[in-house]
């Protein structure tokens, strides 16, 4: 049994159980300047005004101005710029 499974069992039905699902997409919005996406499955659209990121059964659409992809890995990324909206599609 891996560490993630052990932590999930210990958390049980508490509010922490969902946070310990290491495969679930996670989106964090940092004011109007940065959006972090963990556990994504790829970039569907890349532009200075719109980015769409595949996250399991949903797509995260980030709209803004001067958007840039930062800190991108196979599973995590950050988008910076002036964030106008974040939609879950």
PDB file of N, CA and C in Angstrom:
ATOM      1  N   UNK A   1       0.853  -1.173   0.000  1.00  0.00           N
ATOM      2  CA  UNK A   1       0.000   0.000   0.000  1.00  0.00           C
ATOM      3  C   UNK A   1       0.902   1.240   0.000  1.00  0.00           C
ATOM      4  N   UNK A   2       0.627   2.159  -0.919  1.00  0.00           N
ATOM      5  CA  UNK A   2       1.435   3.362  -1.034  1.00  0.00           C
ATOM      6  C   UNK A   2       1.063   4.420  -0.005  1.00  0.00           C
ATOM      7  N   UNK A   3       1.870   5.450   0.080  1.00  0.00           N
ATOM      8  CA  UNK A   3       1.648   6.532   1.029  1.00  0.00           C
ATOM      9  C   UNK A   3       0.311   7.218   0.791  1.00  0.00           C
ATOM     10  N   UNK A   4      -0.029   7.467  -0.478  1.00  0.00           N
ATOM     11  CA  UNK A   4      -1.301   8.127  -0.789  1.00  0.00           C
ATOM     12  C   UNK A   4      -2.486   7.326  -0.287  1.00  0.00           C
ATOM     13  N   UNK A   5      -2.452   6.020  -0.476  1.00  0.00           N
ATOM     14  CA  UNK A   5      -3.547   5.149  -0.012  1.00  0.00           C
ATOM     15  C   UNK A   5      -3.626   5.151   1.506  1.00  0.00           C
ATOM     16  N   UNK A   6      -2.486   5.114   2.185  1.00  0.00           N
ATOM     17  CA  UNK A   6      -2.470   5.149   3.646  1.00  0.00           C
ATOM     18  C   UNK A   6      -3.092   6.446   4.161  1.00  0.00           C
ATOM     19  N   UNK A   7      -2.728   7.562   3.555  1.00  0.00           N
ATOM     20  CA  UNK A   7      -3.274   8.851   3.986  1.00  0.00           C
ATOM     21  C   UNK A   7      -4.777   8.922   3.756  1.00  0.00           C
ATOM     22  N   UNK A   8      -5.251   8.405   2.613  1.00  0.00           N
ATOM     23  CA  UNK A   8      -6.689   8.405   2.334  1.00  0.00           C
ATOM     24  C   UNK A   8      -7.449   7.563   3.355  1.00  0.00           C
ATOM     25  N   UNK A   9      -6.910   6.415   3.722  1.00  0.00           N
ATOM     26  CA  UNK A   9      -7.573   5.553   4.715  1.00  0.00           C
ATOM     27  C   UNK A   9      -7.646   6.245   6.065  1.00  0.00           C
ATOM     28  N   UNK A  10      -6.587   6.914   6.459  1.00  0.00           N
ATOM     29  CA  UNK A  10      -6.575   7.596   7.746  1.00  0.00           C
ATOM     30  C   UNK A  10      -7.529   8.788   7.744  1.00  0.00           C
ATOM     31  N   UNK A  11      -7.659   9.464   6.617  1.00  0.00           N
ATOM     32  CA  UNK A  11      -8.544  10.629   6.536  1.00  0.00           C
ATOM     33  C   UNK A  11     -10.008  10.213   6.553  1.00  0.00           C
ATOM     34  N   UNK A  12     -10.294   8.993   6.048  1.00  0.00           N
ATOM     35  CA  UNK A  12     -11.673   8.493   6.061  1.00  0.00           C
ATOM     36  C   UNK A  12     -12.616   9.412   5.327  1.00  0.00           C
ATOM     37  N   UNK A  13     -13.718   9.775   5.980  1.00  0.00           N
ATOM     38  CA  UNK A  13     -14.737  10.627   5.372  1.00  0.00           C
ATOM     39  C   UNK A  13     -14.541  12.103   5.700  1.00  0.00           C
ATOM     40  N   UNK A  14     -13.438  12.460   6.293  1.00  0.00           N
ATOM     41  CA  UNK A  14     -13.223  13.862   6.653  1.00  0.00           C
ATOM     42  C   UNK A  14     -13.036  14.710   5.401  1.00  0.00           C
ATOM     43  N   UNK A  15     -13.065  16.008   5.573  1.00  0.00           N
ATOM     44  CA  UNK A  15     -12.891  16.918   4.440  1.00  0.00           C
ATOM     45  C   UNK A  15     -11.519  16.782   3.812  1.00  0.00           C
ATOM     46  N   UNK A  16     -10.558  16.199   4.509  1.00  0.00           N
ATOM     47  CA  UNK A  16      -9.216  16.020   3.952  1.00  0.00           C
ATOM     48  C   UNK A  16      -9.156  14.913   2.914  1.00  0.00           C
ATOM     49  N   UNK A  17     -10.111  13.997   2.935  1.00  0.00           N
ATOM     50  CA  UNK A  17     -10.061  12.851   2.031  1.00  0.00           C
ATOM     51  C   UNK A  17     -10.010  13.283   0.571  1.00  0.00           C
ATOM     52  N   UNK A  18     -10.779  14.288   0.186  1.00  0.00           N
ATOM     53  CA  UNK A  18     -10.760  14.741  -1.208  1.00  0.00           C
ATOM     54  C   UNK A  18      -9.434  15.383  -1.567  1.00  0.00           C
ATOM     55  N   UNK A  19      -8.824  16.109  -0.645  1.00  0.00           N
ATOM     56  CA  UNK A  19      -7.533  16.731  -0.917  1.00  0.00           C
ATOM     57  C   UNK A  19      -6.433  15.706  -1.110  1.00  0.00           C
ATOM     58  N   UNK A  20      -6.611  14.509  -0.570  1.00  0.00           N
ATOM     59  CA  UNK A  20      -5.579  13.484  -0.664  1.00  0.00           C
ATOM     60  C   UNK A  20      -5.709  12.626  -1.911  1.00  0.00           C
ATOM     61  N   UNK A  21      -6.720  12.874  -2.725  1.00  0.00           N
ATOM     62  CA  UNK A  21      -6.846  12.160  -3.991  1.00  0.00           C
ATOM     63  C   UNK A  21      -5.826  12.762  -4.950  1.00  0.00           C
ATOM     64  N   UNK A  22      -4.711  12.090  -5.093  1.00  0.00           N
ATOM     65  CA  UNK A  22      -3.589  12.645  -5.843  1.00  0.00           C
ATOM     66  C   UNK A  22      -3.832  12.709  -7.337  1.00  0.00           C
ATOM     67  N   UNK A  23      -4.872  12.064  -7.832  1.00  0.00           N
ATOM     68  CA  UNK A  23      -5.151  12.069  -9.261  1.00  0.00           C
ATOM     69  C   UNK A  23      -6.238  13.069  -9.650  1.00  0.00           C
ATOM     70  N   UNK A  24      -6.946  13.627  -8.679  1.00  0.00           N
ATOM     71  CA  UNK A  24      -8.027  14.555  -8.965  1.00  0.00           C
ATOM     72  C   UNK A  24      -7.445  15.910  -9.402  1.00  0.00           C
ATOM     73  N   UNK A  25      -7.972  16.490 -10.475  1.00  0.00           N
ATOM     74  CA  UNK A  25      -7.489  17.811 -10.887  1.00  0.00           C
ATOM     75  C   UNK A  25      -7.714  18.847  -9.783  1.00  0.00           C
ATOM     76  N   UNK A  26      -6.796  19.777  -9.683  1.00  0.00           N
ATOM     77  CA  UNK A  26      -6.900  20.836  -8.681  1.00  0.00           C
ATOM     78  C   UNK A  26      -6.567  22.155  -9.360  1.00  0.00           C
ATOM     79  N   UNK A  27      -7.433  23.141  -9.169  1.00  0.00           N
ATOM     80  CA  UNK A  27      -7.237  24.461  -9.756  1.00  0.00           C
ATOM     81  C   UNK A  27      -7.151  25.471  -8.619  1.00  0.00           C
ATOM     82  N   UNK A  28      -6.092  26.264  -8.600  1.00  0.00           N
ATOM     83  CA  UNK A  28      -5.920  27.311  -7.597  1.00  0.00           C
ATOM     84  C   UNK A  28      -5.813  28.652  -8.309  1.00  0.00           C
ATOM     85  N   UNK A  29      -6.574  29.615  -7.833  1.00  0.00           N
ATOM     86  CA  UNK A  29      -6.562  30.957  -8.418  1.00  0.00           C
ATOM     87  C   UNK A  29      -5.890  31.896  -7.429  1.00  0.00           C
ATOM     88  N   UNK A  30      -4.862  32.579  -7.892  1.00  0.00           N
ATOM     89  CA  UNK A  30      -4.096  33.494  -7.061  1.00  0.00           C
ATOM     90  C   UNK A  30      -4.397  34.922  -7.518  1.00  0.00           C
ATOM     91  N   UNK A  31      -5.459  35.494  -6.992  1.00  0.00           N
ATOM     92  CA  UNK A  31      -5.849  36.847  -7.376  1.00  0.00           C
ATOM     93  C   UNK A  31      -6.188  36.906  -8.851  1.00  0.00           C
ATOM     94  N   UNK A  32      -5.800  37.980  -9.517  1.00  0.00           N
ATOM     95  CA  UNK A  32      -6.070  38.111 -10.952  1.00  0.00           C
ATOM     96  C   UNK A  32      -4.787  37.974 -11.772  1.00  0.00           C
ATOM     97  N   UNK A  33      -3.763  37.320 -11.188  1.00  0.00           N
ATOM     98  CA  UNK A  33      -2.471  37.234 -11.862  1.00  0.00           C
ATOM     99  C   UNK A  33      -1.961  35.832 -12.126  1.00  0.00           C
ATOM    100  N   UNK A  34      -2.559  34.791 -11.503  1.00  0.00           N
ATOM    101  CA  UNK A  34      -2.000  33.450 -11.669  1.00  0.00           C
ATOM    102  C   UNK A  34      -3.065  32.383 -11.423  1.00  0.00           C
ATOM    103  N   UNK A  35      -3.044  31.336 -12.243  1.00  0.00           N
ATOM    104  CA  UNK A  35      -3.883  30.156 -12.053  1.00  0.00           C
ATOM    105  C   UNK A  35      -2.972  28.942 -12.128  1.00  0.00           C
ATOM    106  N   UNK A  36      -3.023  28.086 -11.101  1.00  0.00           N
ATOM    107  CA  UNK A  36      -2.255  26.850 -11.085  1.00  0.00           C
ATOM    108  C   UNK A  36      -3.200  25.678 -11.320  1.00  0.00           C
ATOM    109  N   UNK A  37      -2.778  24.733 -12.157  1.00  0.00           N
ATOM    110  CA  UNK A  37      -3.573  23.550 -12.449  1.00  0.00           C
ATOM    111  C   UNK A  37      -2.699  22.325 -12.195  1.00  0.00           C
ATOM    112  N   UNK A  38      -3.161  21.457 -11.290  1.00  0.00           N
ATOM    113  CA  UNK A  38      -2.442  20.223 -10.984  1.00  0.00           C
ATOM    114  C   UNK A  38      -3.199  19.044 -11.576  1.00  0.00           C
ATOM    115  N   UNK A  39      -2.484  18.034 -11.991  1.00  0.00           N
ATOM    116  CA  UNK A  39      -3.048  16.799 -12.541  1.00  0.00           C
ATOM    117  C   UNK A  39      -3.811  17.020 -13.848  1.00  0.00           C
ATOM    118  N   UNK A  40      -3.283  17.885 -14.710  1.00  0.00           N
ATOM    119  CA  UNK A  40      -3.915  18.101 -16.018  1.00  0.00           C
ATOM    120  C   UNK A  40      -3.510  16.984 -16.971  1.00  0.00           C
ATOM    121  N   UNK A  41      -4.219  16.912 -18.081  1.00  0.00           N
ATOM    122  CA  UNK A  41      -3.945  15.872 -19.081  1.00  0.00           C
ATOM    123  C   UNK A  41      -3.520  16.450 -20.421  1.00  0.00           C
ATOM    124  N   UNK A  42      -3.260  17.725 -20.466  1.00  0.00           N
ATOM    125  CA  UNK A  42      -2.778  18.329 -21.706  1.00  0.00           C
ATOM    126  C   UNK A  42      -3.390  19.684 -21.981  1.00  0.00           C
ATOM    127  N   UNK A  43      -2.750  20.420 -22.855  1.00  0.00           N
ATOM    128  CA  UNK A  43      -3.217  21.756 -23.246  1.00  0.00           C
ATOM    129  C   UNK A  43      -3.974  21.621 -24.558  1.00  0.00           C
ATOM    130  N   UNK A  44      -5.218  22.075 -24.561  1.00  0.00           N
ATOM    131  CA  UNK A  44      -6.065  21.993 -25.753  1.00  0.00           C
ATOM    132  C   UNK A  44      -5.978  23.248 -26.609  1.00  0.00           C
ATOM    133  N   UNK A  45      -5.798  24.391 -25.960  1.00  0.00           N
ATOM    134  CA  UNK A  45      -5.718  25.669 -26.680  1.00  0.00           C
ATOM    135  C   UNK A  45      -4.725  26.556 -25.948  1.00  0.00           C
ATOM    136  N   UNK A  46      -3.857  27.209 -26.723  1.00  0.00           N
ATOM    137  CA  UNK A  46      -2.824  28.053 -26.133  1.00  0.00           C
ATOM    138  C   UNK A  46      -2.814  29.386 -26.866  1.00  0.00           C
ATOM    139  N   UNK A  47      -3.093  30.445 -26.144  1.00  0.00           N
ATOM    140  CA  UNK A  47      -3.065  31.768 -26.756  1.00  0.00           C
ATOM    141  C   UNK A  47      -2.856  32.848 -25.708  1.00  0.00           C
ATOM    142  N   UNK A  48      -2.638  34.057 -26.156  1.00  0.00           N
ATOM    143  CA  UNK A  48      -2.394  35.181 -25.243  1.00  0.00           C
ATOM    144  C   UNK A  48      -3.669  35.633 -24.533  1.00  0.00           C
ATOM    145  N   UNK A  49      -4.846  35.247 -25.063  1.00  0.00           N
ATOM    146  CA  UNK A  49      -6.111  35.670 -24.455  1.00  0.00           C
ATOM    147  C   UNK A  49      -6.948  34.513 -23.924  1.00  0.00           C
ATOM    148  N   UNK A  50      -6.709  33.291 -24.418  1.00  0.00           N
ATOM    149  CA  UNK A  50      -7.475  32.120 -23.967  1.00  0.00           C
ATOM    150  C   UNK A  50      -6.562  30.898 -23.910  1.00  0.00           C
ATOM    151  N   UNK A  51      -6.695  30.133 -22.818  1.00  0.00           N
ATOM    152  CA  UNK A  51      -6.034  28.833 -22.705  1.00  0.00           C
ATOM    153  C   UNK A  51      -7.080  27.839 -22.216  1.00  0.00           C
ATOM    154  N   UNK A  52      -7.057  26.653 -22.809  1.00  0.00           N
ATOM    155  CA  UNK A  52      -7.951  25.575 -22.379  1.00  0.00           C
ATOM    156  C   UNK A  52      -7.094  24.371 -22.024  1.00  0.00           C
ATOM    157  N   UNK A  53      -7.346  23.821 -20.822  1.00  0.00           N
ATOM    158  CA  UNK A  53      -6.548  22.722 -20.308  1.00  0.00           C
ATOM    159  C   UNK A  53      -7.472  21.552 -19.981  1.00  0.00           C
ATOM    160  N   UNK A  54      -7.124  20.360 -20.462  1.00  0.00           N
ATOM    161  CA  UNK A  54      -7.928  19.163 -20.192  1.00  0.00           C
ATOM    162  C   UNK A  54      -7.594  18.635 -18.805  1.00  0.00           C
ATOM    163  N   UNK A  55      -8.636  18.410 -18.024  1.00  0.00           N
ATOM    164  CA  UNK A  55      -8.485  17.892 -16.655  1.00  0.00           C
ATOM    165  C   UNK A  55      -9.533  16.817 -16.422  1.00  0.00           C
ATOM    166  N   UNK A  56      -9.205  15.593 -16.771  1.00  0.00           N
ATOM    167  CA  UNK A  56     -10.170  14.508 -16.603  1.00  0.00           C
ATOM    168  C   UNK A  56     -11.380  14.720 -17.484  1.00  0.00           C
ATOM    169  N   UNK A  57     -12.568  14.706 -16.879  1.00  0.00           N
ATOM    170  CA  UNK A  57     -13.809  14.863 -17.632  1.00  0.00           C
ATOM    171  C   UNK A  57     -14.149  16.323 -17.899  1.00  0.00           C
ATOM    172  N   UNK A  58     -13.373  17.250 -17.360  1.00  0.00           N
ATOM    173  CA  UNK A  58     -13.674  18.660 -17.569  1.00  0.00           C
ATOM    174  C   UNK A  58     -12.528  19.370 -18.282  1.00  0.00           C
ATOM    175  N   UNK A  59     -12.832  20.566 -18.734  1.00  0.00           N
ATOM    176  CA  UNK A  59     -11.840  21.434 -19.354  1.00  0.00           C
ATOM    177  C   UNK A  59     -11.820  22.731 -18.554  1.00  0.00           C
ATOM    178  N   UNK A  60     -10.625  23.211 -18.226  1.00  0.00           N
ATOM    179  CA  UNK A  60     -10.468  24.489 -17.546  1.00  0.00           C
ATOM    180  C   UNK A  60     -10.147  25.528 -18.609  1.00  0.00           C
ATOM    181  N   UNK A  61     -11.013  26.529 -18.731  1.00  0.00           N
ATOM    182  CA  UNK A  61     -10.802  27.604 -19.704  1.00  0.00           C
ATOM    183  C   UNK A  61     -10.407  28.866 -18.942  1.00  0.00           C
ATOM    184  N   UNK A  62      -9.236  29.387 -19.272  1.00  0.00           N
ATOM    185  CA  UNK A  62      -8.718  30.598 -18.639  1.00  0.00           C
ATOM    186  C   UNK A  62      -8.716  31.697 -19.679  1.00  0.00           C
ATOM    187  N   UNK A  63      -9.407  32.795 -19.367  1.00  0.00           N
ATOM    188  CA  UNK A  63      -9.459  33.943 -20.272  1.00  0.00           C
ATOM    189  C   UNK A  63      -8.765  35.118 -19.598  1.00  0.00           C
ATOM    190  N   UNK A  64      -8.078  35.925 -20.412  1.00  0.00           N
ATOM    191  CA  UNK A  64      -7.387  37.068 -19.839  1.00  0.00           C
ATOM    192  C   UNK A  64      -6.603  37.828 -20.886  1.00  0.00           C
ATOM    193  N   UNK A  65      -5.608  38.541 -20.426  1.00  0.00           N
ATOM    194  CA  UNK A  65      -4.743  39.340 -21.289  1.00  0.00           C
ATOM    195  C   UNK A  65      -3.292  38.986 -20.993  1.00  0.00           C
ATOM    196  N   UNK A  66      -2.486  38.913 -22.045  1.00  0.00           N
ATOM    197  CA  UNK A  66      -1.055  38.621 -21.923  1.00  0.00           C
ATOM    198  C   UNK A  66      -0.801  37.331 -21.148  1.00  0.00           C
ATOM    199  N   UNK A  67      -1.605  36.285 -21.416  1.00  0.00           N
ATOM    200  CA  UNK A  67      -1.442  35.018 -20.719  1.00  0.00           C
ATOM    201  C   UNK A  67      -0.153  34.336 -21.149  1.00  0.00           C
ATOM    202  N   UNK A  68       0.525  33.732 -20.185  1.00  0.00           N
ATOM    203  CA  UNK A  68       1.762  32.989 -20.440  1.00  0.00           C
ATOM    204  C   UNK A  68       1.742  31.699 -19.640  1.00  0.00           C
ATOM    205  N   UNK A  69       2.274  30.655 -20.237  1.00  0.00           N
ATOM    206  CA  UNK A  69       2.406  29.373 -19.570  1.00  0.00           C
ATOM    207  C   UNK A  69       3.691  29.392 -18.754  1.00  0.00           C
ATOM    208  N   UNK A  70       3.591  29.044 -17.484  1.00  0.00           N
ATOM    209  CA  UNK A  70       4.757  29.028 -16.592  1.00  0.00           C
ATOM    210  C   UNK A  70       4.843  27.696 -15.869  1.00  0.00           C
ATOM    211  N   UNK A  71       6.013  27.308 -15.472  1.00  0.00           N
ATOM    212  CA  UNK A  71       6.225  26.134 -14.625  1.00  0.00           C
ATOM    213  C   UNK A  71       5.487  24.894 -15.118  1.00  0.00           C
ATOM    214  N   UNK A  72       5.535  24.606 -16.381  1.00  0.00           N
ATOM    215  CA  UNK A  72       4.795  23.470 -16.934  1.00  0.00           C
ATOM    216  C   UNK A  72       5.586  22.175 -16.791  1.00  0.00           C
ATOM    217  N   UNK A  73       4.914  21.150 -16.250  1.00  0.00           N
ATOM    218  CA  UNK A  73       5.453  19.793 -16.217  1.00  0.00           C
ATOM    219  C   UNK A  73       4.410  18.891 -16.876  1.00  0.00           C
ATOM    220  N   UNK A  74       4.642  17.600 -16.862  1.00  0.00           N
ATOM    221  CA  UNK A  74       3.678  16.677 -17.473  1.00  0.00           C
ATOM    222  C   UNK A  74       2.325  16.703 -16.769  1.00  0.00           C
ATOM    223  N   UNK A  75       2.291  17.066 -15.492  1.00  0.00           N
ATOM    224  CA  UNK A  75       1.024  17.027 -14.757  1.00  0.00           C
ATOM    225  C   UNK A  75       0.602  18.360 -14.155  1.00  0.00           C
ATOM    226  N   UNK A  76       1.503  19.303 -13.997  1.00  0.00           N
ATOM    227  CA  UNK A  76       1.189  20.575 -13.353  1.00  0.00           C
ATOM    228  C   UNK A  76       1.615  21.742 -14.233  1.00  0.00           C
ATOM    229  N   UNK A  77       0.876  22.847 -14.127  1.00  0.00           N
ATOM    230  CA  UNK A  77       1.252  24.053 -14.862  1.00  0.00           C
ATOM    231  C   UNK A  77       0.687  25.278 -14.169  1.00  0.00           C
ATOM    232  N   UNK A  78       1.192  26.421 -14.553  1.00  0.00           N
ATOM    233  CA  UNK A  78       0.689  27.694 -14.067  1.00  0.00           C
ATOM    234  C   UNK A  78       0.538  28.627 -15.255  1.00  0.00           C
ATOM    235  N   UNK A  79      -0.510  29.429 -15.209  1.00  0.00           N
ATOM    236  CA  UNK A  79      -0.757  30.442 -16.230  1.00  0.00           C
ATOM    237  C   UNK A  79      -0.717  31.794 -15.526  1.00  0.00           C
ATOM    238  N   UNK A  80       0.077  32.716 -16.074  1.00  0.00           N
ATOM    239  CA  UNK A  80       0.157  34.059 -15.504  1.00  0.00           C
ATOM    240  C   UNK A  80      -0.311  35.072 -16.535  1.00  0.00           C
ATOM    241  N   UNK A  81      -0.548  36.270 -16.086  1.00  0.00           N
ATOM    242  CA  UNK A  81      -1.042  37.352 -16.923  1.00  0.00           C
ATOM    243  C   UNK A  81      -2.155  38.051 -16.170  1.00  0.00           C
ATOM    244  N   UNK A  82      -2.990  38.775 -16.868  1.00  0.00           N
ATOM    245  CA  UNK A  82      -4.165  39.379 -16.230  1.00  0.00           C
ATOM    246  C   UNK A  82      -5.335  38.422 -16.431  1.00  0.00           C
ATOM    247  N   UNK A  83      -5.720  37.721 -15.371  1.00  0.00           N
ATOM    248  CA  UNK A  83      -6.778  36.723 -15.432  1.00  0.00           C
ATOM    249  C   UNK A  83      -8.136  37.425 -15.327  1.00  0.00           C
ATOM    250  N   UNK A  84      -8.976  37.207 -16.326  1.00  0.00           N
ATOM    251  CA  UNK A  84     -10.316  37.799 -16.321  1.00  0.00           C
ATOM    252  C   UNK A  84     -11.347  36.779 -15.865  1.00  0.00           C
ATOM    253  N   UNK A  85     -11.220  35.526 -16.305  1.00  0.00           N
ATOM    254  CA  UNK A  85     -12.173  34.498 -15.875  1.00  0.00           C
ATOM    255  C   UNK A  85     -11.546  33.114 -15.941  1.00  0.00           C
ATOM    256  N   UNK A  86     -12.086  32.225 -15.101  1.00  0.00           N
ATOM    257  CA  UNK A  86     -11.722  30.820 -15.110  1.00  0.00           C
ATOM    258  C   UNK A  86     -13.027  30.044 -15.133  1.00  0.00           C
ATOM    259  N   UNK A  87     -13.186  29.210 -16.160  1.00  0.00           N
ATOM    260  CA  UNK A  87     -14.424  28.436 -16.313  1.00  0.00           C
ATOM    261  C   UNK A  87     -14.110  26.948 -16.283  1.00  0.00           C
ATOM    262  N   UNK A  88     -15.023  26.198 -15.686  1.00  0.00           N
ATOM    263  CA  UNK A  88     -14.947  24.735 -15.712  1.00  0.00           C
ATOM    264  C   UNK A  88     -16.002  24.259 -16.685  1.00  0.00           C
ATOM    265  N   UNK A  89     -15.572  23.647 -17.780  1.00  0.00           N
ATOM    266  CA  UNK A  89     -16.494  23.222 -18.829  1.00  0.00           C
ATOM    267  C   UNK A  89     -16.629  21.712 -18.843  1.00  0.00           C
TER     268      UNK A  89
END
